[in-house]
Amino acid sequence: MLYREAGQFKTSYAEDMAIFPIRQDRIALAVLLAIAFVGVPLLATFRIWPFSTDYLLWAILLPFLILALAAIGTNILVGYCGQISLGSGAFMAIGAYSAYKLATGVHIPLAWLGFAISMPPLPVLASILLGGFMAAGAGILFGIPSLRIKGLYLAVATLAAQFFFDWAFLRIPWFTNYAPSGSVNAPALDFFGMVVRTPVERYLLCLLFVTVMAVLAKNLVRGNLGRQWMAIRDMDIAAELIGIRPLYAKLTAFAVSSFIIGVAGALWAFVYLGSWEPLAFSIDRSLELLFMVIIGGLGSIMGSFIGAAFILIVPIMLNVIPTELGLPLSTQTITHLQFITFGSLICYLLIKEPHGFARLISIGKEKLRLWPFPY
């Protein structure tokens, strides 16, 4: 009885086109944002359960926010535009290493010309955003084959990007400022004179980035460009016949997706890891993001958050539940259970509900709007 839209009249086009046209959805979102921006920091600051330690912030909330942001970028390309990508980890790495080079200063020696190109270190915020633009440029470059190939062939082309950048960041010492170990350390998170140090501050920083990017992505997919992406996804030949340019639509999808993933990669490196090496952005990361999108819901911004939460929480539950039941399992067994759980769930969802958990939630909301009536 609480989820009704009776009496909620729309008197303007803006109200009719709102992202959340039902009042209950807007109230729920406002409550969720209040908890995220105010409740969690207060509980963590005063060490109130469940934030009596920093474990929940470091191990769950920080990776959840950053991976949800990366999943949004992957969803724009895979879910909204229908272009299969297995190179999301590579674009995260491009964002991370580009931001690192820009934040520590760029020096390109050109010995054969007798001079060098040098750039002083940039502020961290500018480095993170420019890292996203660098990833967008790489996304456009590797998105060009999508004009001729599609499906599994395009997936192999993006997989080539993953392997190429894995090799480049591992074998070219310039990207790591010639560090002997190949591992690099993120610079201090200085934003306009305010240095972000504590887990709460890092959480708020990531939350701000994710909120802004999610709102921008949601409005983008609801606009003209998003409709072009969905037309290309549904039937590219018919989309071209009605005047949509496949070159523009596909490359903008690659650019926007890679930009968001690149920003997520910079946040993953700077805010969460602090020190990293190329293995942090391996093919496993690309597959993990793809699983998040499939499980959460293809073509759904909300599904990206659901998928990220599921991928993070299931391994923790598989660790905790057997121990609480007095059935301690080895690490190897838990790893195998994770593979079995994710693989079985992906197969089930692809057969029964291709749009993932987000679609199941939407169906539940539609039922609530009509309950107790069956029609």
Protein backbone atom coordinates (compact mmCIF):
# COMPACT_ATOMS: atom_id res chain seq x y z
CA MET A 1 0.00 0.00 0.00
CA LEU A 2 2.99 2.33 0.45
CA TYR A 3 4.18 2.14 -3.15
CA ARG A 4 1.39 3.93 -5.01
CA GLU A 5 1.35 6.75 -7.53
CA ALA A 6 -2.35 7.53 -7.20
CA GLY A 7 -2.79 11.27 -6.74
CA GLN A 8 0.68 12.11 -8.11
CA PHE A 9 -0.28 14.23 -11.10
CA LYS A 10 2.26 15.43 -13.64
CA THR A 11 1.59 19.00 -14.73
CA SER A 12 4.67 19.64 -16.89
CA TYR A 13 6.93 17.85 -19.35
CA ALA A 14 9.81 18.09 -16.87
CA GLU A 15 7.83 16.14 -14.27
CA ASP A 16 6.84 13.55 -16.85
CA MET A 17 10.47 13.09 -17.97
CA ALA A 18 11.99 13.01 -14.49
CA ILE A 19 14.50 10.29 -13.68
CA PHE A 20 12.37 9.24 -10.70
CA PRO A 21 8.76 10.15 -11.56
CA ILE A 22 7.29 8.44 -8.47
CA ARG A 23 7.54 10.29 -5.17
CA GLN A 24 8.41 7.16 -3.19
CA ASP A 25 11.47 6.57 -5.37
CA ARG A 26 12.67 10.12 -4.81
CA ILE A 27 12.20 9.79 -1.06
CA ALA A 28 14.07 6.46 -1.02
CA LEU A 29 16.93 7.97 -3.03
CA ALA A 30 17.13 10.99 -0.71
CA VAL A 31 17.25 8.70 2.34
CA LEU A 32 19.93 6.55 0.73
CA LEU A 33 22.07 9.59 -0.13
CA ALA A 34 21.62 10.98 3.39
CA ILE A 35 22.80 7.70 4.87
CA ALA A 36 25.74 7.53 2.46
CA PHE A 37 26.90 11.15 2.84
CA VAL A 38 26.01 11.77 6.50
CA GLY A 39 25.17 8.56 8.33
CA VAL A 40 28.17 6.44 7.33
CA PRO A 41 30.80 9.16 8.01
CA LEU A 42 29.27 9.94 11.41
CA LEU A 43 29.17 6.27 12.42
CA ALA A 44 32.74 5.76 11.23
CA THR A 45 34.00 8.92 12.96
CA PHE A 46 32.51 7.99 16.35
CA ARG A 47 33.37 4.28 15.91
CA ILE A 48 29.77 3.09 16.23
CA TRP A 49 28.88 -0.44 15.13
CA PRO A 50 29.20 -1.67 12.40
CA PHE A 51 31.95 0.90 11.80
CA SER A 52 33.79 0.25 15.06
CA THR A 53 36.81 -0.62 12.89
CA ASP A 54 37.92 0.53 9.44
CA TYR A 55 37.34 -2.91 7.92
CA LEU A 56 33.92 -2.12 6.47
CA LEU A 57 35.18 1.07 4.83
CA TRP A 58 38.45 -0.35 3.49
CA ALA A 59 37.35 -3.85 2.49
CA ILE A 60 33.78 -3.29 1.29
CA LEU A 61 32.60 0.29 0.76
CA LEU A 62 35.69 1.73 -0.97
CA PRO A 63 36.08 -1.11 -3.50
CA PHE A 64 32.30 -1.24 -3.96
CA LEU A 65 32.09 2.42 -4.96
CA ILE A 66 35.06 2.32 -7.32
CA LEU A 67 34.10 -0.96 -8.97
CA ALA A 68 30.50 0.25 -9.31
CA LEU A 69 31.84 3.29 -11.18
CA ALA A 70 33.90 1.04 -13.46
CA ALA A 71 30.83 -1.19 -13.98
CA ILE A 72 28.81 1.87 -15.05
CA GLY A 73 31.42 2.57 -17.72
CA THR A 74 31.39 -1.05 -18.85
CA ASN A 75 27.58 -1.06 -18.88
CA ILE A 76 27.45 1.95 -21.20
CA LEU A 77 29.49 0.07 -23.79
CA VAL A 78 28.18 -3.47 -23.30
CA GLY A 79 24.66 -2.91 -21.99
CA TYR A 80 23.56 0.26 -23.77
CA CYS A 81 25.53 0.09 -27.02
CA GLY A 82 25.80 -3.69 -27.31
CA GLN A 83 29.56 -3.76 -27.97
CA ILE A 84 31.17 -6.66 -26.10
CA SER A 85 34.37 -5.61 -24.34
CA LEU A 86 36.98 -7.65 -22.50
CA GLY A 87 39.43 -4.76 -22.12
CA SER A 88 37.95 -2.83 -19.21
CA GLY A 89 40.92 -3.70 -16.98
CA ALA A 90 43.27 -2.21 -19.57
CA PHE A 91 41.35 1.07 -19.62
CA MET A 92 41.46 1.15 -15.81
CA ALA A 93 45.23 0.71 -16.05
CA ILE A 94 45.51 3.52 -18.61
CA GLY A 95 43.61 5.85 -16.29
CA ALA A 96 45.77 4.85 -13.31
CA TYR A 97 49.16 5.13 -14.99
CA SER A 98 48.25 8.29 -16.92
CA ALA A 99 47.11 9.96 -13.71
CA TYR A 100 50.31 8.79 -11.98
CA LYS A 101 52.56 10.22 -14.71
CA LEU A 102 50.67 13.52 -14.80
CA ALA A 103 50.69 13.84 -11.01
CA THR A 104 54.44 13.13 -10.74
CA GLY A 105 55.57 15.07 -13.80
CA VAL A 106 56.12 13.95 -17.39
CA HIS A 107 59.60 13.82 -18.90
CA ILE A 108 60.00 12.49 -22.45
CA PRO A 109 63.67 12.39 -23.55
CA LEU A 110 64.18 12.93 -27.28
CA ALA A 111 67.92 12.30 -27.57
CA TRP A 112 67.95 12.12 -31.36
CA LEU A 113 66.48 15.63 -31.51
CA GLY A 114 68.77 17.02 -28.83
CA PHE A 115 66.07 18.06 -26.33
CA ALA A 116 63.38 16.66 -24.04
CA ILE A 117 59.72 17.39 -23.36
CA SER A 118 59.00 18.08 -19.71
CA MET A 119 55.78 18.87 -17.89
CA PRO A 120 55.55 19.82 -14.22
CA PRO A 121 53.36 17.76 -11.88
CA LEU A 122 49.65 18.54 -12.13
CA PRO A 123 47.12 18.67 -9.25
CA VAL A 124 45.64 15.32 -8.30
CA LEU A 125 42.11 16.20 -9.41
CA ALA A 126 43.32 17.32 -12.85
CA SER A 127 45.49 14.19 -13.10
CA ILE A 128 42.55 11.88 -12.36
CA LEU A 129 40.29 13.57 -14.91
CA LEU A 130 43.02 13.73 -17.55
CA GLY A 131 43.72 10.07 -16.88
CA GLY A 132 40.11 9.44 -17.82
CA PHE A 133 40.57 11.40 -21.06
CA MET A 134 43.70 9.37 -21.87
CA ALA A 135 41.66 6.20 -21.40
CA ALA A 136 38.94 7.69 -23.64
CA GLY A 137 41.51 8.27 -26.38
CA ALA A 138 42.71 4.66 -26.13
CA GLY A 139 39.08 3.50 -26.14
CA ILE A 140 38.41 5.37 -29.38
CA LEU A 141 41.54 3.85 -30.94
CA PHE A 142 40.58 0.29 -30.04
CA GLY A 143 36.92 0.99 -30.81
CA ILE A 144 37.63 1.64 -34.49
CA PRO A 145 37.46 -2.11 -35.32
CA SER A 146 33.85 -2.09 -34.04
CA LEU A 147 32.90 -0.38 -37.30
CA ARG A 148 33.70 -3.58 -39.18
CA ILE A 149 33.41 -6.41 -36.67
CA LYS A 150 30.97 -7.28 -33.91
CA GLY A 151 30.17 -9.92 -31.34
CA LEU A 152 32.93 -12.32 -30.35
CA TYR A 153 35.31 -10.85 -32.94
CA LEU A 154 35.04 -7.44 -31.27
CA ALA A 155 35.54 -9.10 -27.88
CA VAL A 156 38.82 -10.56 -29.16
CA ALA A 157 39.89 -7.11 -30.42
CA THR A 158 39.31 -5.56 -27.00
CA LEU A 159 41.07 -8.55 -25.44
CA ALA A 160 44.07 -7.62 -27.57
CA ALA A 161 44.01 -4.19 -25.93
CA GLN A 162 44.06 -5.88 -22.52
CA PHE A 163 47.10 -7.99 -23.34
CA PHE A 164 48.93 -5.13 -25.08
CA PHE A 165 48.63 -2.70 -22.18
CA ASP A 166 49.44 -5.42 -19.66
CA TRP A 167 52.69 -5.92 -21.54
CA ALA A 168 53.35 -2.19 -21.99
CA PHE A 169 52.96 -1.24 -18.33
CA LEU A 170 55.03 -4.23 -17.26
CA ARG A 171 57.90 -3.95 -19.76
CA ILE A 172 58.27 -0.20 -20.44
CA PRO A 173 59.93 1.34 -17.35
CA TRP A 174 59.01 4.90 -18.34
CA PHE A 175 55.45 4.35 -17.12
CA THR A 176 56.71 3.51 -13.61
CA ASN A 177 59.32 6.31 -13.52
CA TYR A 178 62.00 3.62 -13.87
CA ALA A 179 61.17 1.99 -10.51
CA PRO A 180 63.32 -1.17 -10.14
CA SER A 181 60.48 -3.25 -8.73
CA GLY A 182 57.89 -2.12 -11.27
CA SER A 183 55.62 -1.01 -8.43
CA VAL A 184 54.62 2.63 -8.04
CA ASN A 185 53.28 4.69 -5.15
CA ALA A 186 50.43 7.16 -5.53
CA PRO A 187 51.14 10.81 -4.68
CA ALA A 188 49.47 12.54 -1.74
CA LEU A 189 45.77 13.17 -2.33
CA ASP A 190 45.90 16.95 -2.13
CA PHE A 191 42.71 18.63 -3.32
CA PHE A 192 42.93 22.44 -3.21
CA GLY A 193 45.06 22.35 -0.08
CA MET A 194 43.01 19.64 1.68
CA VAL A 195 44.91 16.36 2.00
CA VAL A 196 42.74 13.23 2.01
CA ARG A 197 44.23 10.74 4.46
CA THR A 198 41.68 8.90 6.62
CA PRO A 199 39.39 6.10 5.37
CA VAL A 200 36.33 8.31 5.92
CA GLU A 201 37.79 11.07 3.76
CA ARG A 202 38.71 8.58 1.05
CA TYR A 203 35.19 7.14 1.20
CA LEU A 204 33.60 10.57 0.80
CA LEU A 205 35.92 11.38 -2.10
CA CYS A 206 34.95 8.19 -3.95
CA LEU A 207 31.28 8.69 -3.10
CA LEU A 208 31.36 12.19 -4.59
CA PHE A 209 32.97 10.96 -7.81
CA VAL A 210 30.52 8.05 -8.12
CA THR A 211 27.46 10.22 -7.45
CA VAL A 212 28.43 12.82 -10.05
CA MET A 213 29.41 10.24 -12.67
CA ALA A 214 26.27 8.14 -12.10
CA VAL A 215 23.99 11.17 -12.50
CA LEU A 216 25.81 12.24 -15.67
CA ALA A 217 25.66 8.70 -17.09
CA LYS A 218 21.96 8.35 -16.27
CA ASN A 219 21.09 11.61 -18.00
CA LEU A 220 23.33 10.73 -20.94
CA VAL A 221 21.65 7.39 -21.64
CA ARG A 222 18.22 9.02 -21.41
CA GLY A 223 19.10 11.64 -24.01
CA ASN A 224 19.65 11.64 -27.75
CA LEU A 225 23.06 9.99 -27.56
CA GLY A 226 21.81 7.20 -25.33
CA ARG A 227 18.95 6.48 -27.72
CA GLN A 228 21.45 6.23 -30.57
CA TRP A 229 23.47 3.70 -28.56
CA MET A 230 20.38 1.59 -27.87
CA ALA A 231 19.33 1.72 -31.53
CA ILE A 232 22.78 0.47 -32.55
CA ARG A 233 22.52 -2.26 -29.91
CA ASP A 234 19.09 -3.46 -31.03
CA MET A 235 19.74 -3.45 -34.80
CA ASP A 236 22.61 -1.47 -36.26
CA ILE A 237 21.46 -1.76 -39.89
CA ALA A 238 17.99 -0.40 -39.07
CA ALA A 239 19.59 2.37 -36.99
CA GLU A 240 21.72 3.41 -39.94
CA LEU A 241 18.69 3.43 -42.21
CA ILE A 242 16.87 5.92 -39.95
CA GLY A 243 19.83 8.30 -39.99
CA ILE A 244 22.00 7.25 -37.05
CA ARG A 245 25.72 7.28 -37.83
CA PRO A 246 27.35 4.05 -36.58
CA LEU A 247 30.79 5.69 -36.56
CA TYR A 248 29.66 8.45 -34.22
CA ALA A 249 27.48 6.27 -32.01
CA LYS A 250 29.98 3.47 -31.47
CA LEU A 251 33.03 5.65 -30.96
CA THR A 252 31.22 7.94 -28.52
CA ALA A 253 30.15 4.85 -26.57
CA PHE A 254 33.78 3.68 -26.44
CA ALA A 255 34.95 7.17 -25.46
CA VAL A 256 32.41 7.75 -22.67
CA SER A 257 32.78 4.21 -21.35
CA SER A 258 36.59 4.37 -21.35
CA PHE A 259 36.58 7.80 -19.69
CA ILE A 260 34.47 6.56 -16.77
CA ILE A 261 36.52 3.37 -16.48
CA GLY A 262 39.75 5.40 -16.61
CA VAL A 263 38.59 7.65 -13.77
CA ALA A 264 37.64 4.53 -11.81
CA GLY A 265 41.10 3.10 -12.47
CA ALA A 266 42.77 6.26 -11.19
CA LEU A 267 40.63 6.17 -8.05
CA TRP A 268 41.37 2.47 -7.58
CA ALA A 269 45.10 3.17 -7.73
CA PHE A 270 45.27 6.49 -5.87
CA VAL A 271 42.54 6.12 -3.24
CA TYR A 272 42.20 2.39 -2.59
CA LEU A 273 45.53 0.72 -3.39
CA GLY A 274 48.05 3.51 -2.85
CA SER A 275 50.78 1.28 -4.28
CA TRP A 276 50.22 -1.00 -7.25
CA GLU A 277 51.70 -2.93 -10.13
CA PRO A 278 50.27 -3.95 -13.54
CA LEU A 279 48.79 -7.17 -12.15
CA ALA A 280 46.21 -5.03 -10.33
CA PHE A 281 44.55 -4.45 -13.73
CA SER A 282 44.83 -7.89 -15.30
CA ILE A 283 42.32 -9.79 -17.41
CA ASP A 284 40.69 -10.97 -14.18
CA ARG A 285 39.59 -7.38 -13.52
CA SER A 286 38.02 -7.13 -16.98
CA LEU A 287 36.08 -10.37 -16.48
CA GLU A 288 35.00 -9.24 -13.01
CA LEU A 289 33.53 -6.03 -14.42
CA LEU A 290 31.77 -7.95 -17.18
CA PHE A 291 30.28 -10.31 -14.58
CA MET A 292 29.04 -7.33 -12.57
CA VAL A 293 27.22 -5.97 -15.59
CA ILE A 294 25.66 -9.31 -16.52
CA ILE A 295 24.55 -10.16 -12.99
CA GLY A 296 23.40 -6.65 -12.09
CA GLY A 297 21.62 -5.93 -15.34
CA LEU A 298 22.62 -5.04 -18.89
CA GLY A 299 21.50 -1.54 -19.81
CA SER A 300 20.86 -0.40 -16.24
CA ILE A 301 22.80 2.10 -14.14
CA MET A 302 21.25 0.65 -11.00
CA GLY A 303 22.30 -2.81 -12.16
CA SER A 304 25.95 -1.73 -12.07
CA PHE A 305 25.66 -1.03 -8.34
CA ILE A 306 23.80 -4.28 -7.72
CA GLY A 307 26.37 -6.31 -9.63
CA ALA A 308 29.30 -4.67 -7.84
CA ALA A 309 27.70 -5.33 -4.45
CA PHE A 310 26.99 -8.96 -5.36
CA ILE A 311 30.52 -9.67 -6.64
CA LEU A 312 32.04 -8.18 -3.48
CA ILE A 313 29.67 -9.60 -0.87
CA VAL A 314 29.39 -13.22 -2.10
CA PRO A 315 33.07 -14.10 -1.45
CA ILE A 316 32.81 -12.59 2.04
CA MET A 317 29.64 -14.56 2.75
CA LEU A 318 31.27 -17.77 1.52
CA ASN A 319 34.05 -17.09 4.03
CA VAL A 320 31.84 -16.18 6.98
CA ILE A 321 28.83 -18.52 6.74
CA PRO A 322 30.69 -21.88 6.79
CA THR A 323 32.80 -20.70 9.73
CA GLU A 324 29.71 -19.63 11.69
CA LEU A 325 28.11 -23.03 10.98
CA GLY A 326 31.21 -24.83 12.24
CA LEU A 327 32.29 -25.94 8.77
CA PRO A 328 35.65 -24.26 8.16
CA LEU A 329 36.63 -24.49 4.50
CA SER A 330 40.04 -24.11 2.95
CA THR A 331 40.88 -21.07 0.85
CA GLN A 332 41.06 -23.24 -2.26
CA THR A 333 37.58 -24.66 -1.65
CA ILE A 334 36.12 -21.18 -1.12
CA THR A 335 37.72 -19.99 -4.37
CA HIS A 336 36.16 -22.92 -6.24
CA LEU A 337 32.78 -22.17 -4.65
CA GLN A 338 33.03 -18.59 -5.88
CA PHE A 339 33.64 -19.77 -9.45
CA ILE A 340 30.74 -22.23 -9.21
CA THR A 341 28.39 -19.59 -7.77
CA PHE A 342 29.23 -16.87 -10.29
CA GLY A 343 29.23 -19.24 -13.28
CA SER A 344 25.94 -20.88 -12.34
CA LEU A 345 24.26 -17.55 -11.66
CA ILE A 346 25.44 -16.02 -14.93
CA CYS A 347 24.15 -19.02 -16.91
CA TYR A 348 20.82 -18.89 -15.08
CA LEU A 349 20.36 -15.15 -15.60
CA LEU A 350 21.33 -15.27 -19.28
CA ILE A 351 18.65 -17.94 -19.81
CA LYS A 352 15.86 -16.81 -17.49
CA GLU A 353 16.39 -13.06 -17.06
CA PRO A 354 19.01 -11.54 -19.42
CA HIS A 355 18.55 -8.11 -17.83
CA GLY A 356 19.77 -9.32 -14.45
CA PHE A 357 18.74 -8.41 -10.94
CA ALA A 358 17.84 -4.85 -11.97
CA ARG A 359 15.01 -6.18 -14.11
CA LEU A 360 13.77 -8.40 -11.27
CA ILE A 361 13.64 -5.35 -9.00
CA SER A 362 11.76 -3.39 -11.68
CA ILE A 363 9.22 -6.21 -12.02
CA GLY A 364 8.77 -6.23 -8.23
CA LYS A 365 8.14 -2.47 -8.21
CA GLU A 366 5.56 -2.82 -11.01
CA LYS A 367 3.78 -5.52 -9.00
CA LEU A 368 3.76 -3.30 -5.92
CA ARG A 369 2.24 -0.42 -7.89
CA LEU A 370 -0.72 -2.64 -8.82
CA TRP A 371 -1.03 -4.80 -5.69
CA PRO A 372 -3.43 -6.34 -4.69
CA PHE A 373 -4.79 -6.29 -8.23
CA PRO A 374 -3.27 -8.82 -10.68
CA TYR A 375 -3.49 -6.57 -13.74
